[in-house]
C-alpha atoms as a PDB file:
ATOM      1  CA  MET A   1      50.940  90.402-131.469  1.00  0.00           C
ATOM      2  CA  GLN A   2      54.016  92.570-131.058  1.00  0.00           C
ATOM      3  CA  SER A   3      57.538  91.374-131.666  1.00  0.00           C
ATOM      4  CA  HIS A   4      59.863  91.153-128.689  1.00  0.00           C
ATOM      5  CA  PRO A   5      63.067  93.164-128.307  1.00  0.00           C
ATOM      6  CA  GLY A   6      65.762  91.919-130.645  1.00  0.00           C
ATOM      7  CA  GLU A   7      63.196  90.607-133.111  1.00  0.00           C
ATOM      8  CA  SER A   8      62.260  92.025-136.495  1.00  0.00           C
ATOM      9  CA  ARG A   9      58.764  93.310-137.268  1.00  0.00           C
ATOM     10  CA  GLN A  10      59.456  92.171-140.823  1.00  0.00           C
ATOM     11  CA  GLY A  11      60.111  88.665-139.521  1.00  0.00           C
ATOM     12  CA  LEU A  12      56.735  88.736-137.753  1.00  0.00           C
ATOM     13  CA  PHE A  13      54.993  89.696-140.993  1.00  0.00           C
ATOM     14  CA  TYR A  14      56.801  86.899-142.850  1.00  0.00           C
ATOM     15  CA  ALA A  15      55.718  84.326-140.269  1.00  0.00           C
ATOM     16  CA  LEU A  16      52.126  85.600-140.179  1.00  0.00           C
ATOM     17  CA  GLY A  17      52.018  85.442-143.971  1.00  0.00           C
ATOM     18  CA  ALA A  18      53.184  81.823-143.970  1.00  0.00           C
ATOM     19  CA  TYR A  19      50.741  80.759-141.268  1.00  0.00           C
ATOM     20  CA  GLY A  20      47.885  82.670-142.931  1.00  0.00           C
ATOM     21  CA  ILE A  21      48.475  80.804-146.202  1.00  0.00           C
ATOM     22  CA  TRP A  22      48.766  77.426-144.460  1.00  0.00           C
ATOM     23  CA  GLY A  23      45.757  77.948-142.189  1.00  0.00           C
ATOM     24  CA  LEU A  24      43.251  79.799-144.397  1.00  0.00           C
ATOM     25  CA  ILE A  25      44.190  80.187-148.064  1.00  0.00           C
ATOM     26  CA  LEU A  26      45.433  76.616-148.585  1.00  0.00           C
ATOM     27  CA  PRO A  27      42.324  74.872-147.135  1.00  0.00           C
ATOM     28  CA  LEU A  28      40.013  77.116-149.185  1.00  0.00           C
ATOM     29  CA  PHE A  29      42.144  76.391-152.240  1.00  0.00           C
ATOM     30  CA  MET A  30      42.120  72.632-151.636  1.00  0.00           C
ATOM     31  CA  LYS A  31      38.350  72.678-151.116  1.00  0.00           C
ATOM     32  CA  LEU A  32      38.013  73.946-154.700  1.00  0.00           C
ATOM     33  CA  LEU A  33      39.877  70.801-155.789  1.00  0.00           C
ATOM     34  CA  ALA A  34      37.868  68.428-153.573  1.00  0.00           C
ATOM     35  CA  HIS A  35      36.563  66.531-156.623  1.00  0.00           C
ATOM     36  CA  VAL A  36      40.114  65.847-157.863  1.00  0.00           C
ATOM     37  CA  SER A  37      42.022  62.822-156.537  1.00  0.00           C
ATOM     38  CA  PRO A  38      44.349  63.801-153.646  1.00  0.00           C
ATOM     39  CA  VAL A  39      47.128  61.808-155.342  1.00  0.00           C
ATOM     40  CA  GLU A  40      46.784  63.887-158.515  1.00  0.00           C
ATOM     41  CA  VAL A  41      46.656  67.141-156.531  1.00  0.00           C
ATOM     42  CA  VAL A  42      49.851  66.264-154.633  1.00  0.00           C
ATOM     43  CA  ALA A  43      51.553  65.203-157.871  1.00  0.00           C
ATOM     44  CA  HIS A  44      50.802  68.578-159.489  1.00  0.00           C
ATOM     45  CA  ARG A  45      51.787  70.327-156.274  1.00  0.00           C
ATOM     46  CA  ILE A  46      55.242  68.761-156.551  1.00  0.00           C
ATOM     47  CA  VAL A  47      55.691  69.160-160.315  1.00  0.00           C
ATOM     48  CA  TRP A  48      54.847  72.875-160.370  1.00  0.00           C
ATOM     49  CA  ALA A  49      56.830  73.601-157.201  1.00  0.00           C
ATOM     50  CA  LEU A  50      60.071  72.525-158.882  1.00  0.00           C
ATOM     51  CA  PRO A  51      60.486  75.551-161.221  1.00  0.00           C
ATOM     52  CA  LEU A  52      59.908  77.909-158.306  1.00  0.00           C
ATOM     53  CA  ALA A  53      62.339  75.974-156.102  1.00  0.00           C
ATOM     54  CA  ILE A  54      65.006  76.336-158.813  1.00  0.00           C
ATOM     55  CA  ALA A  55      64.223  80.049-159.216  1.00  0.00           C
ATOM     56  CA  ILE A  56      64.606  80.587-155.468  1.00  0.00           C
ATOM     57  CA  LEU A  57      68.018  78.927-155.412  1.00  0.00           C
ATOM     58  CA  LEU A  58      69.117  80.959-158.455  1.00  0.00           C
ATOM     59  CA  TRP A  59      68.019  84.137-156.678  1.00  0.00           C
ATOM     60  CA  GLN A  60      69.877  83.080-153.534  1.00  0.00           C
ATOM     61  CA  GLY A  61      72.926  82.062-155.567  1.00  0.00           C
ATOM     62  CA  THR A  62      72.946  78.575-154.026  1.00  0.00           C
ATOM     63  CA  LEU A  63      71.781  76.392-156.931  1.00  0.00           C
ATOM     64  CA  ARG A  64      75.265  75.027-157.668  1.00  0.00           C
ATOM     65  CA  HIS A  65      75.784  74.288-153.980  1.00  0.00           C
ATOM     66  CA  ALA A  66      72.422  72.497-153.860  1.00  0.00           C
ATOM     67  CA  PHE A  67      73.406  70.263-156.786  1.00  0.00           C
ATOM     68  CA  GLY A  68      76.538  69.342-154.837  1.00  0.00           C
ATOM     69  CA  HIS A  69      74.378  67.434-152.344  1.00  0.00           C
ATOM     70  CA  PHE A  70      73.576  64.846-155.025  1.00  0.00           C
ATOM     71  CA  SER A  71      77.083  63.454-154.548  1.00  0.00           C
ATOM     72  CA  SER A  72      76.356  62.557-150.909  1.00  0.00           C
ATOM     73  CA  PRO A  73      74.543  59.182-150.633  1.00  0.00           C
ATOM     74  CA  ARG A  74      73.719  59.807-146.964  1.00  0.00           C
ATOM     75  CA  THR A  75      72.175  63.214-147.651  1.00  0.00           C
ATOM     76  CA  MET A  76      70.153  61.888-150.576  1.00  0.00           C
ATOM     77  CA  ALA A  77      68.982  58.846-148.603  1.00  0.00           C
ATOM     78  CA  LEU A  78      67.767  61.056-145.762  1.00  0.00           C
ATOM     79  CA  ALA A  79      66.171  63.450-148.237  1.00  0.00           C
ATOM     80  CA  ALA A  80      64.352  60.514-149.848  1.00  0.00           C
ATOM     81  CA  VAL A  81      62.899  59.545-146.459  1.00  0.00           C
ATOM     82  CA  THR A  82      61.853  63.114-145.618  1.00  0.00           C
ATOM     83  CA  ALA A  83      60.394  63.517-149.112  1.00  0.00           C
ATOM     84  CA  SER A  84      58.295  60.375-148.594  1.00  0.00           C
ATOM     85  CA  LEU A  85      57.078  61.616-145.209  1.00  0.00           C
ATOM     86  CA  ILE A  86      56.139  65.076-146.437  1.00  0.00           C
ATOM     87  CA  SER A  87      54.342  63.704-149.507  1.00  0.00           C
ATOM     88  CA  LEU A  88      52.294  61.419-147.220  1.00  0.00           C
ATOM     89  CA  ASN A  89      51.568  64.430-145.012  1.00  0.00           C
ATOM     90  CA  TRP A  90      50.462  66.512-148.005  1.00  0.00           C
ATOM     91  CA  GLY A  91      48.287  63.714-149.369  1.00  0.00           C
ATOM     92  CA  THR A  92      46.573  63.201-146.021  1.00  0.00           C
ATOM     93  CA  TYR A  93      45.975  66.940-145.671  1.00  0.00           C
ATOM     94  CA  VAL A  94      44.481  67.227-149.175  1.00  0.00           C
ATOM     95  CA  TYR A  95      42.254  64.200-148.529  1.00  0.00           C
ATOM     96  CA  ALA A  96      41.109  65.606-145.166  1.00  0.00           C
ATOM     97  CA  ILE A  97      40.035  68.934-146.649  1.00  0.00           C
ATOM     98  CA  GLY A  98      38.296  67.397-149.657  1.00  0.00           C
ATOM     99  CA  ALA A  99      36.522  64.696-147.645  1.00  0.00           C
ATOM    100  CA  GLY A 100      35.153  67.079-145.010  1.00  0.00           C
ATOM    101  CA  HIS A 101      37.578  66.201-142.203  1.00  0.00           C
ATOM    102  CA  THR A 102      39.159  69.639-141.740  1.00  0.00           C
ATOM    103  CA  LEU A 103      38.532  69.450-137.981  1.00  0.00           C
ATOM    104  CA  GLU A 104      40.675  66.324-137.818  1.00  0.00           C
ATOM    105  CA  ALA A 105      43.394  68.148-139.748  1.00  0.00           C
ATOM    106  CA  ALA A 106      43.213  70.999-137.235  1.00  0.00           C
ATOM    107  CA  LEU A 107      43.526  68.511-134.382  1.00  0.00           C
ATOM    108  CA  GLY A 108      46.593  66.982-136.026  1.00  0.00           C
ATOM    109  CA  TYR A 109      48.373  70.311-136.213  1.00  0.00           C
ATOM    110  CA  TYR A 110      47.321  71.193-132.655  1.00  0.00           C
ATOM    111  CA  ILE A 111      48.959  68.053-131.242  1.00  0.00           C
ATOM    112  CA  ASN A 112      51.992  68.250-133.550  1.00  0.00           C
ATOM    113  CA  PRO A 113      54.117  70.384-131.152  1.00  0.00           C
ATOM    114  CA  LEU A 114      53.479  67.887-128.363  1.00  0.00           C
ATOM    115  CA  VAL A 115      54.375  65.003-130.679  1.00  0.00           C
ATOM    116  CA  ASN A 116      57.628  66.861-131.393  1.00  0.00           C
ATOM    117  CA  VAL A 117      58.403  66.967-127.669  1.00  0.00           C
ATOM    118  CA  ALA A 118      57.648  63.246-127.324  1.00  0.00           C
ATOM    119  CA  LEU A 119      59.790  62.328-130.353  1.00  0.00           C
ATOM    120  CA  ALA A 120      62.676  64.443-129.059  1.00  0.00           C
ATOM    121  CA  ALA A 121      62.459  62.640-125.719  1.00  0.00           C
ATOM    122  CA  ILE A 122      62.443  59.199-127.368  1.00  0.00           C
ATOM    123  CA  PHE A 123      65.049  59.692-130.089  1.00  0.00           C
ATOM    124  CA  LEU A 124      67.182  62.643-128.967  1.00  0.00           C
ATOM    125  CA  GLY A 125      67.198  62.108-125.224  1.00  0.00           C
ATOM    126  CA  GLU A 126      65.719  65.562-124.628  1.00  0.00           C
ATOM    127  CA  ARG A 127      63.753  65.211-121.415  1.00  0.00           C
ATOM    128  CA  PRO A 128      60.506  67.212-121.434  1.00  0.00           C
ATOM    129  CA  THR A 129      59.932  69.565-118.538  1.00  0.00           C
ATOM    130  CA  ARG A 130      57.298  68.727-115.960  1.00  0.00           C
ATOM    131  CA  LEU A 131      54.866  71.156-117.590  1.00  0.00           C
ATOM    132  CA  GLN A 132      55.487  69.626-121.004  1.00  0.00           C
ATOM    133  CA  GLY A 133      54.878  66.156-119.559  1.00  0.00           C
ATOM    134  CA  VAL A 134      51.528  67.329-118.190  1.00  0.00           C
ATOM    135  CA  ALA A 135      50.686  68.841-121.591  1.00  0.00           C
ATOM    136  CA  ILE A 136      51.440  65.562-123.395  1.00  0.00           C
ATOM    137  CA  ALA A 137      49.275  63.650-120.900  1.00  0.00           C
ATOM    138  CA  LEU A 138      46.340  66.041-121.391  1.00  0.00           C
ATOM    139  CA  ALA A 139      46.640  65.786-125.167  1.00  0.00           C
ATOM    140  CA  ALA A 140      46.640  61.980-124.872  1.00  0.00           C
ATOM    141  CA  VAL A 141      43.409  62.179-122.871  1.00  0.00           C
ATOM    142  CA  GLY A 142      41.878  64.363-125.587  1.00  0.00           C
ATOM    143  CA  VAL A 143      42.842  61.869-128.295  1.00  0.00           C
ATOM    144  CA  GLY A 144      41.517  59.060-126.093  1.00  0.00           C
ATOM    145  CA  VAL A 145      38.129  60.804-125.752  1.00  0.00           C
ATOM    146  CA  LEU A 146      37.870  61.119-129.532  1.00  0.00           C
ATOM    147  CA  THR A 147      38.889  57.492-129.985  1.00  0.00           C
ATOM    148  CA  VAL A 148      36.243  56.170-127.575  1.00  0.00           C
ATOM    149  CA  LYS A 149      33.400  58.354-128.868  1.00  0.00           C
ATOM    150  CA  ALA A 150      34.223  57.874-132.558  1.00  0.00           C
ATOM    151  CA  GLY A 151      34.821  54.141-132.196  1.00  0.00           C
ATOM    152  CA  GLY A 152      38.319  54.362-133.632  1.00  0.00           C
ATOM    153  CA  LEU A 153      41.512  56.370-133.652  1.00  0.00           C
ATOM    154  CA  PRO A 154      41.427  59.827-135.272  1.00  0.00           C
ATOM    155  CA  TRP A 155      43.846  58.496-137.883  1.00  0.00           C
ATOM    156  CA  ILE A 156      43.925  61.656-140.021  1.00  0.00           C
ATOM    157  CA  SER A 157      45.047  63.695-137.005  1.00  0.00           C
ATOM    158  CA  LEU A 158      47.633  61.133-135.957  1.00  0.00           C
ATOM    159  CA  VAL A 159      49.052  60.655-139.467  1.00  0.00           C
ATOM    160  CA  LEU A 160      49.416  64.414-139.921  1.00  0.00           C
ATOM    161  CA  ALA A 161      51.055  64.890-136.522  1.00  0.00           C
ATOM    162  CA  LEU A 162      53.352  61.855-136.709  1.00  0.00           C
ATOM    163  CA  THR A 163      54.477  62.347-140.310  1.00  0.00           C
ATOM    164  CA  PHE A 164      55.210  66.023-139.796  1.00  0.00           C
ATOM    165  CA  GLY A 165      56.827  65.445-136.421  1.00  0.00           C
ATOM    166  CA  THR A 166      59.057  62.695-137.817  1.00  0.00           C
ATOM    167  CA  TYR A 167      59.790  64.852-140.860  1.00  0.00           C
ATOM    168  CA  GLY A 168      60.978  67.677-138.628  1.00  0.00           C
ATOM    169  CA  LEU A 169      63.072  65.290-136.551  1.00  0.00           C
ATOM    170  CA  LEU A 170      64.828  63.858-139.609  1.00  0.00           C
ATOM    171  CA  ARG A 171      65.261  67.263-141.270  1.00  0.00           C
ATOM    172  CA  LYS A 172      67.486  68.187-138.358  1.00  0.00           C
ATOM    173  CA  THR A 173      69.876  65.449-139.481  1.00  0.00           C
ATOM    174  CA  VAL A 174      69.995  66.554-143.141  1.00  0.00           C
ATOM    175  CA  PRO A 175      72.882  69.039-143.481  1.00  0.00           C
ATOM    176  CA  VAL A 176      71.043  71.445-145.828  1.00  0.00           C
ATOM    177  CA  GLY A 177      69.075  74.652-145.407  1.00  0.00           C
ATOM    178  CA  ALA A 178      65.325  75.061-145.844  1.00  0.00           C
ATOM    179  CA  SER A 179      65.340  76.092-149.511  1.00  0.00           C
ATOM    180  CA  GLU A 180      67.971  73.532-150.552  1.00  0.00           C
ATOM    181  CA  GLY A 181      66.222  70.770-148.602  1.00  0.00           C
ATOM    182  CA  PHE A 182      62.909  71.622-150.236  1.00  0.00           C
ATOM    183  CA  PHE A 183      64.623  71.523-153.662  1.00  0.00           C
ATOM    184  CA  LEU A 184      66.149  68.085-152.992  1.00  0.00           C
ATOM    185  CA  GLU A 185      62.821  66.675-151.813  1.00  0.00           C
ATOM    186  CA  VAL A 186      60.939  68.034-154.827  1.00  0.00           C
ATOM    187  CA  VAL A 187      63.605  66.695-157.235  1.00  0.00           C
ATOM    188  CA  ILE A 188      63.323  63.236-155.649  1.00  0.00           C
ATOM    189  CA  LEU A 189      59.523  63.302-155.918  1.00  0.00           C
ATOM    190  CA  VAL A 190      59.150  64.941-159.340  1.00  0.00           C
ATOM    191  CA  ILE A 191      59.697  61.847-161.546  1.00  0.00           C
ATOM    192  CA  PRO A 192      57.129  59.702-159.655  1.00  0.00           C
ATOM    193  CA  SER A 193      54.791  62.706-159.702  1.00  0.00           C
ATOM    194  CA  ILE A 194      55.097  63.135-163.473  1.00  0.00           C
ATOM    195  CA  LEU A 195      54.364  59.419-163.917  1.00  0.00           C
ATOM    196  CA  LEU A 196      51.281  59.785-161.716  1.00  0.00           C
ATOM    197  CA  VAL A 197      50.105  62.810-163.713  1.00  0.00           C
ATOM    198  CA  VAL A 198      50.457  60.745-166.906  1.00  0.00           C
ATOM    199  CA  LEU A 199      48.544  57.850-165.340  1.00  0.00           C
ATOM    200  CA  PHE A 200      45.697  60.210-164.467  1.00  0.00           C
ATOM    201  CA  VAL A 201      45.460  61.540-168.041  1.00  0.00           C
ATOM    202  CA  PRO A 202      42.238  59.644-168.957  1.00  0.00           C
ATOM    203  CA  ASP A 203      40.376  61.124-165.968  1.00  0.00           C
ATOM    204  CA  THR A 204      42.384  64.269-165.326  1.00  0.00           C
ATOM    205  CA  HIS A 205      40.944  67.753-165.092  1.00  0.00           C
ATOM    206  CA  PHE A 206      44.289  69.202-166.158  1.00  0.00           C
ATOM    207  CA  LEU A 207      44.168  71.041-169.523  1.00  0.00           C
ATOM    208  CA  LYS A 208      40.475  70.135-169.884  1.00  0.00           C
ATOM    209  CA  ASP A 209      39.087  72.964-167.791  1.00  0.00           C
ATOM    210  CA  GLY A 210      40.817  76.345-167.683  1.00  0.00           C
ATOM    211  CA  PHE A 211      39.904  77.152-164.074  1.00  0.00           C
ATOM    212  CA  GLU A 212      40.951  73.785-162.684  1.00  0.00           C
ATOM    213  CA  THR A 213      44.137  73.801-164.763  1.00  0.00           C
ATOM    214  CA  GLY A 214      44.996  77.164-163.211  1.00  0.00           C
ATOM    215  CA  LEU A 215      44.354  75.771-159.739  1.00  0.00           C
ATOM    216  CA  LEU A 216      46.650  72.788-160.342  1.00  0.00           C
ATOM    217  CA  PHE A 217      49.364  75.113-161.663  1.00  0.00           C
ATOM    218  CA  ALA A 218      48.963  77.362-158.619  1.00  0.00           C
ATOM    219  CA  ALA A 219      49.373  74.387-156.250  1.00  0.00           C
ATOM    220  CA  GLY A 220      53.142  74.575-156.788  1.00  0.00           C
ATOM    221  CA  PRO A 221      53.647  78.213-155.721  1.00  0.00           C
ATOM    222  CA  LEU A 222      51.199  77.701-152.845  1.00  0.00           C
ATOM    223  CA  THR A 223      53.498  74.920-151.669  1.00  0.00           C
ATOM    224  CA  ALA A 224      56.735  76.887-151.978  1.00  0.00           C
ATOM    225  CA  VAL A 225      55.785  80.471-151.032  1.00  0.00           C
ATOM    226  CA  PRO A 226      54.692  79.855-147.414  1.00  0.00           C
ATOM    227  CA  LEU A 227      57.805  77.745-146.849  1.00  0.00           C
ATOM    228  CA  ILE A 228      59.979  80.648-148.013  1.00  0.00           C
ATOM    229  CA  LEU A 229      58.081  83.136-145.847  1.00  0.00           C
ATOM    230  CA  TYR A 230      58.364  80.820-142.858  1.00  0.00           C
ATOM    231  CA  ALA A 231      62.098  80.268-143.344  1.00  0.00           C
ATOM    232  CA  ALA A 232      62.641  84.028-143.639  1.00  0.00           C
ATOM    233  CA  GLY A 233      60.557  84.741-140.547  1.00  0.00           C
ATOM    234  CA  ALA A 234      62.186  81.998-138.464  1.00  0.00           C
ATOM    235  CA  ARG A 235      65.608  83.567-139.000  1.00  0.00           C
ATOM    236  CA  LEU A 236      64.354  86.875-137.595  1.00  0.00           C
ATOM    237  CA  LEU A 237      62.249  85.663-134.658  1.00  0.00           C
ATOM    238  CA  HIS A 238      62.899  83.860-131.383  1.00  0.00           C
ATOM    239  CA  PHE A 239      61.943  80.204-131.073  1.00  0.00           C
ATOM    240  CA  THR A 240      59.361  81.105-128.412  1.00  0.00           C
ATOM    241  CA  THR A 241      57.609  83.508-130.770  1.00  0.00           C
ATOM    242  CA  ILE A 242      57.525  80.943-133.578  1.00  0.00           C
ATOM    243  CA  GLY A 243      56.317  78.306-131.105  1.00  0.00           C
ATOM    244  CA  ILE A 244      53.336  80.442-130.116  1.00  0.00           C
ATOM    245  CA  LEU A 245      52.556  81.672-133.628  1.00  0.00           C
ATOM    246  CA  GLN A 246      52.364  78.103-134.971  1.00  0.00           C
ATOM    247  CA  TYR A 247      48.954  77.681-133.330  1.00  0.00           C
ATOM    248  CA  ILE A 248      47.558  80.164-135.856  1.00  0.00           C
ATOM    249  CA  VAL A 249      47.416  77.367-138.457  1.00  0.00           C
ATOM    250  CA  PRO A 250      45.193  74.854-136.606  1.00  0.00           C
ATOM    251  CA  THR A 251      43.098  77.691-135.161  1.00  0.00           C
ATOM    252  CA  LEU A 252      42.369  79.040-138.647  1.00  0.00           C
ATOM    253  CA  LEU A 253      41.681  75.472-139.800  1.00  0.00           C
ATOM    254  CA  PHE A 254      39.290  74.997-136.865  1.00  0.00           C
ATOM    255  CA  PHE A 255      37.284  78.148-137.606  1.00  0.00           C
ATOM    256  CA  THR A 256      37.328  77.417-141.337  1.00  0.00           C
ATOM    257  CA  ALA A 257      35.952  73.923-140.709  1.00  0.00           C
ATOM    258  CA  VAL A 258      33.175  75.036-138.369  1.00  0.00           C
ATOM    259  CA  PHE A 259      32.097  78.365-139.873  1.00  0.00           C
ATOM    260  CA  LEU A 260      32.996  78.121-143.586  1.00  0.00           C
ATOM    261  CA  PHE A 261      32.817  74.387-144.322  1.00  0.00           C
ATOM    262  CA  ASP A 262      29.982  73.815-141.817  1.00  0.00           C
ATOM    263  CA  GLU A 263      31.492  70.603-140.439  1.00  0.00           C
ATOM    264  CA  PRO A 264      29.651  69.168-137.401  1.00  0.00           C
ATOM    265  CA  PHE A 265      31.217  69.859-134.011  1.00  0.00           C
ATOM    266  CA  SER A 266      29.782  67.712-131.232  1.00  0.00           C
ATOM    267  CA  GLN A 267      29.921  68.131-127.456  1.00  0.00           C
ATOM    268  CA  TRP A 268      32.414  65.276-127.182  1.00  0.00           C
ATOM    269  CA  GLN A 269      34.633  66.936-129.756  1.00  0.00           C
ATOM    270  CA  LEU A 270      34.450  70.098-127.646  1.00  0.00           C
ATOM    271  CA  VAL A 271      35.526  68.098-124.594  1.00  0.00           C
ATOM    272  CA  ALA A 272      38.427  66.534-126.498  1.00  0.00           C
ATOM    273  CA  PHE A 273      39.536  69.846-127.965  1.00  0.00           C
ATOM    274  CA  GLY A 274      39.247  71.352-124.494  1.00  0.00           C
ATOM    275  CA  PHE A 275      41.858  68.899-123.192  1.00  0.00           C
ATOM    276  CA  ILE A 276      44.118  69.649-126.148  1.00  0.00           C
ATOM    277  CA  TRP A 277      43.697  73.425-125.871  1.00  0.00           C
ATOM    278  CA  SER A 278      44.543  73.151-122.177  1.00  0.00           C
ATOM    279  CA  ALA A 279      47.614  71.088-123.079  1.00  0.00           C
ATOM    280  CA  LEU A 280      48.707  73.728-125.571  1.00  0.00           C
ATOM    281  CA  GLY A 281      48.198  76.473-123.013  1.00  0.00           C
ATOM    282  CA  ILE A 282      50.497  74.655-120.588  1.00  0.00           C
ATOM    283  CA  TYR A 283      53.025  73.918-123.346  1.00  0.00           C
ATOM    284  CA  THR A 284      53.033  77.556-124.461  1.00  0.00           C
ATOM    285  CA  TRP A 285      53.558  78.691-120.880  1.00  0.00           C
ATOM    286  CA  SER A 286      56.550  76.344-120.666  1.00  0.00           C
ATOM    287  CA  LEU A 287      57.995  78.005-123.790  1.00  0.00           C
ATOM    288  CA  VAL A 288      57.433  81.476-122.364  1.00  0.00           C
ATOM    289  CA  ARG A 289      59.104  80.499-119.088  1.00  0.00           C
ATOM    290  CA  ARG A 290      62.112  79.082-120.919  1.00  0.00           C
ATOM    291  CA  GLY A 291      62.281  82.135-123.144  1.00  0.00           C
ATOM    292  CA  SER A 292      62.179  84.506-120.185  1.00  0.00           C
ATOM    293  CA  THR A 293      65.199  82.779-118.661  1.00  0.00           C
ATOM    294  CA  GLY A 294      67.166  83.253-121.863  1.00  0.00           C
ATOM    295  CA  SER A 295      67.474  79.531-122.537  1.00  0.00           C
ATOM    296  CA  VAL A 296      65.768  79.740-125.913  1.00  0.00           C
ATOM    297  CA  SER A 297      67.759  80.907-128.885  1.00  0.00           C
ATOM    298  CA  LYS A 298      66.694  82.122-132.270  1.00  0.00           C
ATOM    299  CA  GLY A 299      65.646  79.648-134.860  1.00  0.00           C
ATOM    300  CA  ALA A 300      62.859  77.202-135.423  1.00  0.00           C
ATOM    301  CA  PRO A 301      62.199  73.744-136.707  1.00  0.00           C
ATOM    302  CA  GLU A 302      61.559  73.322-140.392  1.00  0.00           C
ATOM    303  CA  ARG A 303      58.024  73.404-141.717  1.00  0.00           C
ATOM    304  CA  THR A 304      56.650  72.762-145.139  1.00  0.00           C
END
């Protein structure tokens, strides 16, 4: 995919790097830790992300400014809520990969953009276009098909989409940048995470097996690095480009689930995904139309 005029090729590489890590490297990595409790994995992910988050702010020269946010009760309260949402999102994702539900994770990230549109309409008064309304309806049909055939809601997909959609909505109200916001969230979560790591000591794999210890250490950088790449790419690309590129993640998850993890993919799942893929095609076309009229500016919603 080529970058559009006014966009940076470097920004495209940054974004592709972030989406490649999220969609391919991270699920393969988490599959190696499938036998470890998702709670312990998320706890280590947070603990070992903190040193890198501090290093990033030192490199950017914004560490002192980031500490200044601790004096704002409103900012810290919002950051506590977003931290809770993103930790729930991470835990659900880790569980989905380890338990063999990668297809449900892919579905969650496919419907996430449409959830964003619905949340913006409900809470921000942003009316979706007619095409976006059709896309949301088609996605709802797809989820309905899965619900009927599976005998219950695809809760992994819905939790991933709703937690990340709500996270993005609230992050817009926190007056901090991507790196500083990530730092605040990790700081809020690090003490509970350390306590959880200590609680898991009797059954932990940490420091008992060199390979698994290395994996748990690496969970931190694998959390922070794609976020940094994404933030850098989003500053250099148009919203339309980022909106289209975001489908790389669930697509890589889908192919990883079917061809690498050998998860079953039934005819009814194909029907449901067909509705959702059609919805995304319509939604993407609505983005392209808006972008061609010049109504879309640079920038993108936060992602972690």
